[in-house]
N, C-alpha and C. Protein backbone atom coordinates (compact mmCIF):
# COMPACT_ATOMS: atom_id res chain seq x y z
N MET A 1 -146.65 -17.64 19.99
CA MET A 1 -145.46 -17.30 20.79
C MET A 1 -144.20 -18.39 20.03
N GLU A 2 -144.39 -19.66 19.96
CA GLU A 2 -143.71 -20.58 19.43
C GLU A 2 -143.01 -20.16 18.25
N GLN A 3 -144.14 -20.04 16.99
CA GLN A 3 -143.72 -19.50 15.87
C GLN A 3 -143.03 -18.32 16.06
N TYR A 4 -143.00 -17.45 16.69
CA TYR A 4 -142.36 -16.20 16.87
C TYR A 4 -140.85 -16.66 17.13
N LYS A 5 -140.80 -17.45 18.24
CA LYS A 5 -139.45 -17.82 18.43
C LYS A 5 -138.81 -18.91 17.48
N GLU A 6 -139.49 -19.70 16.82
CA GLU A 6 -138.90 -20.27 15.62
C GLU A 6 -138.65 -19.21 14.52
N LYS A 7 -139.26 -18.37 14.27
CA LYS A 7 -138.86 -17.41 13.28
C LYS A 7 -137.87 -16.75 13.53
N GLY A 8 -137.58 -16.04 14.60
CA GLY A 8 -136.39 -15.09 15.19
C GLY A 8 -135.38 -16.16 15.35
N ALA A 9 -135.44 -17.52 15.55
CA ALA A 9 -134.14 -18.16 15.52
C ALA A 9 -133.63 -18.49 14.21
N ARG A 10 -134.76 -18.74 13.28
CA ARG A 10 -134.19 -19.02 11.92
C ARG A 10 -133.43 -17.67 11.55
N SER A 11 -134.12 -16.50 11.68
CA SER A 11 -133.35 -15.46 11.22
C SER A 11 -131.83 -15.00 11.82
N PHE A 12 -131.66 -15.74 12.58
CA PHE A 12 -130.29 -15.45 13.28
C PHE A 12 -129.29 -16.90 13.02
N GLY A 13 -129.81 -17.64 12.38
CA GLY A 13 -129.06 -18.91 12.04
C GLY A 13 -129.25 -20.04 12.61
N GLY A 14 -130.32 -20.08 13.53
CA GLY A 14 -130.67 -21.38 14.11
C GLY A 14 -130.41 -20.96 15.62
N LYS A 15 -130.78 -22.13 16.25
CA LYS A 15 -130.48 -22.17 17.72
C LYS A 15 -128.91 -22.10 18.25
N LYS A 16 -128.22 -22.72 17.56
CA LYS A 16 -126.78 -22.92 17.73
C LYS A 16 -126.20 -21.24 17.99
N LYS A 17 -126.28 -20.62 16.75
CA LYS A 17 -126.27 -19.33 16.69
C LYS A 17 -126.77 -18.30 17.84
N GLU A 18 -128.17 -18.53 18.20
CA GLU A 18 -128.85 -17.87 19.12
C GLU A 18 -127.88 -18.29 20.40
N ARG A 19 -127.52 -19.48 20.82
CA ARG A 19 -126.88 -19.59 22.03
C ARG A 19 -125.63 -18.91 22.00
N THR A 20 -125.18 -19.09 20.95
CA THR A 20 -123.79 -18.31 20.76
C THR A 20 -123.70 -16.91 21.06
N ILE A 21 -124.86 -16.28 20.49
CA ILE A 21 -124.95 -14.89 21.03
C ILE A 21 -125.06 -14.56 22.46
N ILE A 22 -126.29 -15.59 22.96
CA ILE A 22 -126.46 -15.47 24.49
C ILE A 22 -125.29 -15.74 25.27
N LYS A 23 -124.51 -16.69 24.93
CA LYS A 23 -123.12 -16.64 25.63
C LYS A 23 -122.31 -15.61 25.54
N SER A 24 -122.28 -14.97 24.49
CA SER A 24 -121.09 -13.69 24.14
C SER A 24 -121.90 -12.76 25.04
N LEU A 25 -123.18 -12.48 25.31
CA LEU A 25 -123.65 -11.56 25.99
C LEU A 25 -123.39 -11.62 27.49
N LYS A 26 -123.42 -12.92 27.88
CA LYS A 26 -123.33 -13.28 29.15
C LYS A 26 -122.04 -12.94 29.60
N THR A 27 -120.82 -13.34 28.54
CA THR A 27 -119.47 -13.19 29.05
C THR A 27 -119.38 -11.66 29.09
N SER A 28 -119.78 -10.72 28.39
CA SER A 28 -119.78 -9.41 28.25
C SER A 28 -120.02 -8.61 29.58
N ILE A 29 -121.40 -8.98 30.00
CA ILE A 29 -121.70 -8.99 31.18
C ILE A 29 -120.81 -9.10 32.40
N TYR A 30 -120.31 -10.51 32.71
CA TYR A 30 -119.38 -10.74 33.64
C TYR A 30 -118.25 -10.11 33.38
N TYR A 31 -117.66 -9.78 32.33
CA TYR A 31 -116.36 -9.13 32.07
C TYR A 31 -116.35 -7.63 32.69
N PHE A 32 -117.41 -6.88 32.31
CA PHE A 32 -117.78 -5.73 32.97
C PHE A 32 -117.80 -5.67 34.25
N ASP A 33 -118.69 -6.59 34.91
CA ASP A 33 -118.88 -6.86 36.21
C ASP A 33 -117.82 -6.87 37.28
N ASP A 34 -116.87 -7.94 36.42
CA ASP A 34 -115.53 -8.14 36.91
C ASP A 34 -114.69 -6.83 37.18
N LYS A 35 -114.76 -6.08 35.92
CA LYS A 35 -113.71 -4.77 35.77
C LYS A 35 -114.09 -3.96 36.79
N VAL A 36 -115.38 -3.74 37.17
CA VAL A 36 -116.14 -2.71 37.90
C VAL A 36 -115.51 -3.13 39.35
N ALA A 37 -115.51 -4.35 39.75
CA ALA A 37 -115.29 -4.93 41.07
C ALA A 37 -113.66 -4.79 41.23
N GLY A 38 -113.04 -4.94 40.12
CA GLY A 38 -111.36 -4.73 40.44
C GLY A 38 -111.33 -3.21 40.74
N VAL A 39 -111.86 -2.52 39.84
CA VAL A 39 -111.43 -1.17 40.20
C VAL A 39 -111.95 -0.54 41.74
N ARG A 40 -113.15 -1.13 41.93
CA ARG A 40 -113.69 -0.92 43.41
C ARG A 40 -112.66 -1.56 44.53
N SER A 41 -112.01 -2.55 44.24
CA SER A 41 -111.11 -3.09 45.29
C SER A 41 -109.81 -2.57 45.21
N ALA A 42 -109.38 -2.06 44.23
CA ALA A 42 -108.04 -1.37 43.67
C ALA A 42 -108.03 -0.09 44.50
N THR A 43 -109.25 0.39 44.56
CA THR A 43 -109.11 1.74 45.07
C THR A 43 -109.98 1.70 46.71
N ALA A 44 -110.06 0.87 47.07
CA ALA A 44 -110.84 0.77 48.31
C ALA A 44 -109.76 1.27 49.50
N ASP A 45 -108.42 1.11 49.58
CA ASP A 45 -107.42 1.55 50.33
C ASP A 45 -106.95 3.02 50.02
N ALA A 46 -107.58 3.67 49.10
CA ALA A 46 -107.08 4.84 48.91
C ALA A 46 -107.75 6.04 49.68
N PRO A 47 -106.72 6.95 50.04
CA PRO A 47 -107.33 7.99 50.79
C PRO A 47 -108.36 8.70 50.41
N PRO A 48 -108.98 9.56 51.35
CA PRO A 48 -110.27 9.96 51.01
C PRO A 48 -110.00 11.42 50.10
N PRO A 49 -110.65 11.81 49.39
CA PRO A 49 -110.39 13.06 48.62
C PRO A 49 -110.20 14.24 49.63
N SER A 50 -109.36 15.01 49.12
CA SER A 50 -109.44 16.41 50.03
C SER A 50 -110.09 17.52 49.27
N PHE A 51 -110.47 18.48 49.99
CA PHE A 51 -111.29 19.65 49.57
C PHE A 51 -110.75 20.71 50.06
N THR A 52 -110.77 21.70 49.60
CA THR A 52 -110.35 23.32 50.13
C THR A 52 -111.61 23.94 50.35
N SER A 53 -111.25 24.60 51.44
CA SER A 53 -112.38 25.54 52.39
C SER A 53 -113.12 26.51 51.38
N THR A 54 -114.25 26.71 51.44
CA THR A 54 -114.86 27.64 50.66
C THR A 54 -115.62 29.06 51.57
N SER A 55 -116.11 29.88 50.71
CA SER A 55 -116.57 30.96 51.39
C SER A 55 -117.97 30.71 51.92
N LEU A 56 -118.11 31.28 53.04
CA LEU A 56 -119.64 30.97 53.74
C LEU A 56 -120.67 31.59 52.71
N GLU A 57 -120.23 32.79 51.97
CA GLU A 57 -121.33 33.42 51.20
C GLU A 57 -121.73 32.35 49.85
N ALA A 58 -120.60 31.65 49.84
CA ALA A 58 -121.11 30.96 48.24
C ALA A 58 -121.87 29.83 48.55
N SER A 59 -123.18 29.84 47.87
CA SER A 59 -124.19 29.18 48.15
C SER A 59 -124.88 28.98 47.15
N LEU A 60 -125.34 27.73 46.33
CA LEU A 60 -125.99 27.40 45.39
C LEU A 60 -127.39 26.53 45.96
N SER A 61 -128.38 27.41 46.27
CA SER A 61 -129.65 26.58 46.89
C SER A 61 -130.64 26.24 46.00
N GLU A 62 -130.63 26.92 44.69
CA GLU A 62 -131.59 26.26 43.49
C GLU A 62 -130.91 26.66 42.16
N PHE A 63 -131.61 26.08 41.36
CA PHE A 63 -131.08 26.29 39.80
C PHE A 63 -132.10 27.68 39.57
N GLN A 64 -131.44 28.49 38.41
CA GLN A 64 -132.48 29.78 37.95
C GLN A 64 -133.41 28.63 36.92
N PRO A 65 -134.70 29.19 36.90
CA PRO A 65 -135.44 28.88 35.90
C PRO A 65 -134.77 29.20 34.54
N MET A 66 -135.03 28.20 33.42
CA MET A 66 -134.71 28.56 32.35
C MET A 66 -135.68 29.17 31.50
N THR A 67 -135.26 29.96 30.24
CA THR A 67 -136.07 30.58 29.35
C THR A 67 -136.23 29.80 28.17
N ASP A 68 -137.17 30.06 27.50
CA ASP A 68 -137.52 29.66 26.05
C ASP A 68 -136.31 30.09 25.28
N ASP A 69 -135.77 31.35 25.10
CA ASP A 69 -134.50 31.71 24.37
C ASP A 69 -133.20 31.11 24.85
N GLN A 70 -133.00 30.75 26.02
CA GLN A 70 -131.72 30.00 26.41
C GLN A 70 -131.90 28.31 25.88
N VAL A 71 -133.06 27.98 25.87
CA VAL A 71 -133.31 26.55 25.39
C VAL A 71 -133.14 26.68 23.84
N ILE A 72 -133.90 27.67 23.06
CA ILE A 72 -133.33 27.73 21.77
C ILE A 72 -132.05 27.78 21.25
N ALA A 73 -131.43 28.85 21.97
CA ALA A 73 -129.98 28.88 21.47
C ALA A 73 -129.13 27.61 21.80
N ALA A 74 -129.50 26.82 22.76
CA ALA A 74 -128.53 25.62 23.04
C ALA A 74 -129.02 24.56 22.18
N VAL A 75 -130.29 24.55 21.77
CA VAL A 75 -130.68 23.56 20.76
C VAL A 75 -130.05 24.00 19.21
N ARG A 76 -129.97 25.22 19.08
CA ARG A 76 -129.19 25.81 17.84
C ARG A 76 -127.67 25.45 17.73
N ALA A 77 -127.29 25.43 19.18
CA ALA A 77 -125.66 25.07 18.94
C ALA A 77 -125.56 23.59 19.23
N LEU A 78 -126.16 22.88 19.21
CA LEU A 78 -126.04 21.46 19.34
C LEU A 78 -125.70 20.82 17.92
N PRO A 79 -124.50 19.99 17.98
CA PRO A 79 -124.06 19.09 16.71
C PRO A 79 -125.31 18.48 16.27
N ASP A 80 -125.16 17.99 15.03
CA ASP A 80 -126.34 17.61 14.26
C ASP A 80 -126.26 16.13 14.27
N LYS A 81 -125.54 15.50 15.26
CA LYS A 81 -125.66 14.04 15.58
C LYS A 81 -126.87 13.75 16.47
N SER A 82 -127.53 12.42 16.03
CA SER A 82 -128.42 12.03 17.16
C SER A 82 -128.37 10.57 17.11
N CYS A 83 -129.21 10.25 18.32
CA CYS A 83 -129.01 8.62 18.96
C CYS A 83 -130.17 7.83 18.55
N ALA A 84 -130.12 6.58 18.58
CA ALA A 84 -131.06 5.71 18.28
C ALA A 84 -132.56 6.30 19.06
N LEU A 85 -132.07 6.55 20.35
CA LEU A 85 -133.15 7.00 21.43
C LEU A 85 -134.21 8.20 21.12
N ASP A 86 -133.47 8.93 20.01
CA ASP A 86 -134.04 10.28 19.79
C ASP A 86 -135.66 10.07 18.92
N PRO A 87 -136.35 10.76 19.29
CA PRO A 87 -137.68 10.46 18.71
C PRO A 87 -137.68 11.36 17.31
N LEU A 88 -136.92 12.14 17.07
CA LEU A 88 -136.57 12.93 15.91
C LEU A 88 -135.31 13.41 15.64
N PRO A 89 -134.82 13.23 14.69
CA PRO A 89 -133.30 13.77 14.31
C PRO A 89 -132.96 15.12 14.80
N THR A 90 -131.69 15.21 15.09
CA THR A 90 -131.33 16.71 15.56
C THR A 90 -131.69 18.13 14.62
N THR A 91 -131.54 17.45 13.56
CA THR A 91 -131.73 18.42 12.41
C THR A 91 -133.09 18.72 12.51
N GLN A 92 -134.05 17.83 12.62
CA GLN A 92 -135.66 18.26 12.53
C GLN A 92 -135.60 19.19 13.86
N LEU A 93 -135.30 18.87 14.92
CA LEU A 93 -135.33 19.41 16.33
C LEU A 93 -135.08 20.72 16.04
N LYS A 94 -133.94 21.00 15.35
CA LYS A 94 -133.42 22.44 15.40
C LYS A 94 -134.39 23.18 14.34
N ALA A 95 -135.08 22.67 13.36
CA ALA A 95 -136.03 23.23 12.59
C ALA A 95 -137.36 23.40 13.26
N VAL A 96 -138.00 22.67 14.26
CA VAL A 96 -138.99 23.07 14.97
C VAL A 96 -138.64 23.80 16.33
N VAL A 97 -137.53 23.90 16.65
CA VAL A 97 -137.40 24.44 18.18
C VAL A 97 -138.02 25.75 18.59
N ASP A 98 -138.41 26.60 17.67
CA ASP A 98 -139.34 27.88 18.08
C ASP A 98 -140.74 27.32 18.66
N ILE A 99 -141.23 26.22 17.84
CA ILE A 99 -142.46 25.87 18.10
C ILE A 99 -142.67 25.13 19.65
N ILE A 100 -141.43 24.02 19.68
CA ILE A 100 -141.35 23.10 20.93
C ILE A 100 -140.83 23.46 22.26
N ALA A 101 -139.94 24.78 21.70
CA ALA A 101 -139.11 25.38 23.09
C ALA A 101 -140.04 25.57 24.53
N PRO A 102 -141.22 26.02 24.10
CA PRO A 102 -141.89 26.31 25.69
C PRO A 102 -142.18 24.89 26.15
N PHE A 103 -142.27 24.05 25.49
CA PHE A 103 -142.67 22.77 26.22
C PHE A 103 -141.24 22.01 26.90
N LEU A 104 -140.04 21.97 26.18
CA LEU A 104 -138.92 21.72 26.60
C LEU A 104 -138.47 22.53 27.81
N THR A 105 -138.53 23.94 27.78
CA THR A 105 -138.32 24.79 28.96
C THR A 105 -139.18 24.51 30.25
N ALA A 106 -140.78 23.97 29.90
CA ALA A 106 -141.50 23.73 30.96
C ALA A 106 -140.92 22.39 31.56
N LEU A 107 -140.65 21.48 30.87
CA LEU A 107 -140.04 20.15 31.28
C LEU A 107 -138.66 20.25 31.87
N PHE A 108 -137.94 21.13 31.64
CA PHE A 108 -136.37 21.14 32.33
C PHE A 108 -136.69 21.97 33.41
N ASN A 109 -137.48 22.91 33.35
CA ASN A 109 -137.84 23.64 34.53
C ASN A 109 -138.26 22.69 35.76
N ARG A 110 -139.29 21.94 35.56
CA ARG A 110 -139.84 21.09 36.21
C ARG A 110 -138.83 20.16 36.97
N SER A 111 -137.82 19.57 36.02
CA SER A 111 -136.95 18.90 36.33
C SER A 111 -135.86 19.37 37.26
N LEU A 112 -135.64 20.73 37.22
CA LEU A 112 -134.78 21.61 38.12
C LEU A 112 -135.43 21.69 39.38
N SER A 113 -136.82 22.22 39.37
CA SER A 113 -137.34 22.75 40.71
C SER A 113 -137.77 21.32 41.24
N SER A 114 -137.98 20.16 40.75
CA SER A 114 -138.14 18.70 41.68
C SER A 114 -136.77 18.26 41.95
N GLY A 115 -135.76 18.33 41.04
CA GLY A 115 -134.66 17.83 41.59
C GLY A 115 -134.37 16.36 40.98
N THR A 116 -135.21 16.10 40.07
CA THR A 116 -135.33 14.75 39.19
C THR A 116 -135.04 15.03 37.71
N VAL A 117 -134.40 13.87 37.31
CA VAL A 117 -134.32 13.54 35.98
C VAL A 117 -135.28 12.62 35.53
N PRO A 118 -135.85 13.00 34.39
CA PRO A 118 -137.00 12.10 33.91
C PRO A 118 -136.16 10.55 33.42
N GLU A 119 -137.09 9.49 33.74
CA GLU A 119 -136.39 8.23 33.76
C GLU A 119 -136.04 7.96 32.31
N ALA A 120 -136.82 8.52 31.41
CA ALA A 120 -136.48 8.19 29.77
C ALA A 120 -135.06 8.91 29.53
N PHE A 121 -134.69 9.82 30.27
CA PHE A 121 -133.49 10.74 29.95
C PHE A 121 -132.11 9.81 30.64
N LYS A 122 -132.57 8.74 31.31
CA LYS A 122 -131.42 8.03 31.75
C LYS A 122 -131.15 6.83 30.83
N ALA A 123 -131.90 6.41 30.00
CA ALA A 123 -131.64 5.45 29.27
C ALA A 123 -130.58 5.86 28.26
N ALA A 124 -129.88 4.64 27.96
CA ALA A 124 -128.76 4.86 26.89
C ALA A 124 -128.67 3.88 25.89
N TYR A 125 -128.39 4.22 24.78
CA TYR A 125 -128.26 3.22 23.54
C TYR A 125 -126.44 2.64 23.74
N ILE A 126 -126.24 1.56 23.98
CA ILE A 126 -125.00 0.95 24.15
C ILE A 126 -124.35 0.32 22.79
N THR A 127 -123.29 0.94 22.32
CA THR A 127 -122.64 0.14 21.18
C THR A 127 -121.12 -0.08 21.82
N PRO A 128 -121.01 -1.64 21.50
CA PRO A 128 -119.37 -2.12 21.83
C PRO A 128 -118.62 -1.54 20.62
N ARG A 129 -117.34 -0.95 21.16
CA ARG A 129 -116.41 -0.50 20.06
C ARG A 129 -115.10 -1.15 20.18
N LEU A 130 -114.47 -1.52 19.20
CA LEU A 130 -112.96 -2.07 19.55
C LEU A 130 -112.09 -0.95 19.98
N LYS A 131 -111.28 -1.17 21.13
CA LYS A 131 -110.37 -0.22 21.65
C LYS A 131 -109.36 0.00 20.76
N LYS A 132 -108.73 -1.10 20.08
CA LYS A 132 -107.74 -0.75 18.97
C LYS A 132 -108.16 -1.67 17.77
N PRO A 133 -107.84 -1.12 16.80
CA PRO A 133 -108.22 -1.70 15.37
C PRO A 133 -107.47 -3.25 15.29
N ASP A 134 -106.19 -3.14 15.69
CA ASP A 134 -105.55 -4.59 15.92
C ASP A 134 -105.96 -5.55 16.92
N MET A 135 -107.00 -5.25 17.81
CA MET A 135 -107.49 -6.00 18.81
C MET A 135 -108.21 -7.27 18.40
N ASP A 136 -108.43 -8.37 19.08
CA ASP A 136 -109.20 -9.57 18.53
C ASP A 136 -110.51 -9.11 18.56
N PRO A 137 -111.46 -9.17 17.68
CA PRO A 137 -112.78 -9.16 17.48
C PRO A 137 -113.57 -10.00 18.50
N ALA A 138 -113.11 -11.21 18.68
CA ALA A 138 -113.99 -12.43 19.13
C ALA A 138 -113.64 -12.39 20.59
N ASP A 139 -112.72 -11.34 21.12
CA ASP A 139 -112.44 -11.51 23.00
C ASP A 139 -113.27 -10.04 23.16
N VAL A 140 -114.07 -10.43 24.16
CA VAL A 140 -114.78 -9.25 24.69
C VAL A 140 -114.27 -8.12 25.42
N ARG A 141 -113.06 -8.65 25.75
CA ARG A 141 -112.07 -7.54 26.66
C ARG A 141 -111.44 -6.49 25.51
N SER A 142 -111.66 -6.85 24.26
CA SER A 142 -111.10 -5.84 23.18
C SER A 142 -112.15 -4.68 23.06
N TYR A 143 -113.36 -4.65 23.66
CA TYR A 143 -114.22 -3.78 23.45
C TYR A 143 -114.33 -2.78 24.58
N ARG A 144 -114.89 -1.52 24.44
CA ARG A 144 -115.63 -0.58 25.42
C ARG A 144 -116.75 -0.46 25.22
N PRO A 145 -117.45 -0.01 25.95
CA PRO A 145 -118.91 0.21 25.84
C PRO A 145 -118.90 2.03 25.23
N ILE A 146 -119.72 2.07 24.40
CA ILE A 146 -120.05 3.61 24.18
C ILE A 146 -121.51 3.69 24.50
N SER A 147 -121.64 4.50 25.46
CA SER A 147 -123.19 4.97 25.91
C SER A 147 -123.60 6.18 25.04
N SER A 148 -124.56 6.21 24.34
CA SER A 148 -125.36 7.46 23.55
C SER A 148 -126.83 7.72 24.33
N LEU A 149 -126.73 8.79 24.71
CA LEU A 149 -127.98 9.65 25.68
C LEU A 149 -128.63 10.32 24.55
N SER A 150 -130.05 10.33 24.76
CA SER A 150 -130.91 11.26 23.82
C SER A 150 -130.50 12.62 23.93
N VAL A 151 -130.83 13.21 22.46
CA VAL A 151 -130.24 14.61 22.45
C VAL A 151 -131.21 15.48 23.46
N VAL A 152 -132.21 15.19 23.85
CA VAL A 152 -133.05 16.02 24.62
C VAL A 152 -132.09 15.89 26.03
N SER A 153 -131.83 14.72 26.78
CA SER A 153 -131.31 14.70 27.70
C SER A 153 -129.88 15.32 27.66
N LYS A 154 -128.90 15.27 26.82
CA LYS A 154 -127.81 15.94 26.71
C LYS A 154 -127.89 17.34 26.82
N LEU A 155 -129.16 17.73 26.24
CA LEU A 155 -129.50 19.28 26.29
C LEU A 155 -129.72 19.78 27.85
N LEU A 156 -130.39 19.02 28.42
CA LEU A 156 -130.85 19.52 29.83
C LEU A 156 -129.53 19.45 30.55
N GLU A 157 -128.79 18.35 30.33
CA GLU A 157 -127.28 18.27 30.86
C GLU A 157 -126.46 19.52 30.81
N ARG A 158 -126.44 19.96 29.45
CA ARG A 158 -125.61 21.02 29.21
C ARG A 158 -126.04 22.16 29.71
N LEU A 159 -127.41 22.65 29.62
CA LEU A 159 -128.00 23.85 30.42
C LEU A 159 -127.82 23.87 32.02
N VAL A 160 -128.00 22.82 32.37
CA VAL A 160 -127.36 22.60 34.29
C VAL A 160 -125.85 22.76 34.22
N ALA A 161 -125.39 22.22 33.42
CA ALA A 161 -123.81 22.54 33.55
C ALA A 161 -123.30 24.00 33.34
N ARG A 162 -124.08 24.73 32.44
CA ARG A 162 -123.42 26.07 32.20
C ARG A 162 -124.16 26.99 33.31
N GLN A 163 -125.19 26.58 34.32
CA GLN A 163 -125.25 27.22 35.36
C GLN A 163 -124.38 27.02 36.41
N LEU A 164 -124.14 25.93 36.55
CA LEU A 164 -123.21 25.13 37.49
C LEU A 164 -121.55 26.02 37.38
N LEU A 165 -121.31 25.84 36.08
CA LEU A 165 -119.94 26.34 35.80
C LEU A 165 -120.00 28.13 36.13
N ASP A 166 -121.21 28.69 35.90
CA ASP A 166 -120.99 30.17 36.04
C ASP A 166 -121.17 30.33 37.60
N TYR A 167 -121.99 29.39 38.37
CA TYR A 167 -121.86 29.68 39.98
C TYR A 167 -120.43 29.54 40.25
N LEU A 168 -119.98 28.32 39.87
CA LEU A 168 -118.58 27.87 40.38
C LEU A 168 -117.48 28.92 39.97
N THR A 169 -117.44 29.57 38.75
CA THR A 169 -116.62 30.91 38.53
C THR A 169 -116.84 32.12 38.97
N ASN A 170 -118.34 32.34 39.08
CA ASN A 170 -118.41 33.73 39.86
C ASN A 170 -118.13 33.55 41.38
N SER A 171 -118.42 32.39 41.96
CA SER A 171 -118.03 32.29 43.43
C SER A 171 -116.55 31.94 43.74
N GLY A 172 -115.70 32.04 42.78
CA GLY A 172 -114.32 31.64 43.10
C GLY A 172 -114.10 30.14 43.56
N LEU A 173 -114.86 29.32 43.24
CA LEU A 173 -114.76 27.94 43.59
C LEU A 173 -113.83 26.99 42.86
N LEU A 174 -113.51 27.33 41.62
CA LEU A 174 -112.81 26.53 40.87
C LEU A 174 -111.35 26.65 41.05
N PRO A 175 -110.51 25.63 41.16
CA PRO A 175 -109.23 25.64 41.50
C PRO A 175 -108.34 26.55 40.36
N ARG A 176 -107.40 27.55 40.64
CA ARG A 176 -107.01 28.69 40.20
C ARG A 176 -106.17 27.97 38.74
N LEU A 177 -105.81 26.55 38.92
CA LEU A 177 -104.98 26.09 37.93
C LEU A 177 -105.85 25.02 37.11
N GLN A 178 -106.87 25.00 37.20
CA GLN A 178 -107.85 23.89 36.51
C GLN A 178 -107.92 24.37 35.18
N SER A 179 -107.53 23.64 34.21
CA SER A 179 -107.82 23.80 32.79
C SER A 179 -108.95 23.14 32.15
N ALA A 180 -109.27 21.87 32.59
CA ALA A 180 -110.46 21.18 32.06
C ALA A 180 -111.64 22.02 32.18
N TYR A 181 -112.51 21.94 31.30
CA TYR A 181 -114.07 22.30 31.43
C TYR A 181 -114.09 23.93 31.56
N ARG A 182 -112.87 24.50 31.17
CA ARG A 182 -113.06 25.90 31.47
C ARG A 182 -112.84 26.86 30.10
N VAL A 183 -113.95 27.91 29.58
CA VAL A 183 -113.16 28.60 28.68
C VAL A 183 -112.03 29.42 28.71
N GLY A 184 -111.22 29.46 27.97
CA GLY A 184 -110.00 29.98 27.92
C GLY A 184 -108.93 29.43 28.49
N HIS A 185 -109.04 28.28 28.90
CA HIS A 185 -107.93 27.33 29.74
C HIS A 185 -108.22 25.95 28.76
N SER A 186 -106.94 25.43 28.48
CA SER A 186 -106.84 24.18 27.65
C SER A 186 -105.69 23.62 28.00
N THR A 187 -105.36 22.42 27.34
CA THR A 187 -103.86 21.63 27.68
C THR A 187 -102.92 22.47 27.14
N GLU A 188 -102.91 23.60 26.14
CA GLU A 188 -102.09 24.42 25.96
C GLU A 188 -101.89 25.42 26.83
N THR A 189 -102.54 25.79 27.88
CA THR A 189 -102.63 26.84 28.87
C THR A 189 -101.89 25.89 29.99
N ALA A 190 -102.28 24.82 30.31
CA ALA A 190 -101.38 23.97 31.24
C ALA A 190 -100.15 23.85 30.86
N VAL A 191 -99.91 23.29 29.73
CA VAL A 191 -98.37 23.18 29.31
C VAL A 191 -97.56 24.02 29.53
N LEU A 192 -98.21 25.46 29.25
CA LEU A 192 -97.42 26.87 29.22
C LEU A 192 -97.23 26.97 30.91
N LYS A 193 -98.23 26.71 31.66
CA LYS A 193 -97.83 26.98 33.03
C LYS A 193 -96.96 25.92 33.53
N VAL A 194 -96.67 24.89 33.26
CA VAL A 194 -95.91 24.00 33.65
C VAL A 194 -94.44 24.35 33.10
N LEU A 195 -94.48 24.67 31.87
CA LEU A 195 -92.97 25.12 31.31
C LEU A 195 -92.45 26.42 31.80
N SER A 196 -93.33 27.49 32.03
CA SER A 196 -92.94 28.63 32.62
C SER A 196 -92.58 28.72 34.21
N ASP A 197 -92.79 27.90 34.90
CA ASP A 197 -92.68 27.84 36.27
C ASP A 197 -91.09 27.09 36.44
């Protein structure tokens, strides 16, 4: 174990470099913890959210089981981007989707029926990105974390979101003027509504 530590320390440029990296990571963690605590304290006295009343007939007691065809269509519609957590690239997933669709469908349906998300789907690959190119790269506050989830996790999320959106739309539960996350509604339609009133 001692040899491994020495080898690792040398590959990073020695103990001093290793301490600098650890200090930087701790600074990042404290910064984001402080940021979250600041948001919580700034919104602690905010009024509670208000909700509109809904029809008594509107009820979503369970998700509908997914079919192989729905999973295949959703996989084929995925962008070709992959995450470091993916066991295989998205392009290869698309190439074998006809073979593995029954397994994905069974996994997704088990998740829906049990009301749980597999732990592996909750893991994210976090990459720090500069907020703006002219910001100081040595200052941890110049970065924002980018969390990337596995493609299978995002696939389950999209299929569930589709069912939820269909339910909300068919039950008339979406605000009439909501533009975000709706087909045929965009910032353009929102601006047109504001300008025409």
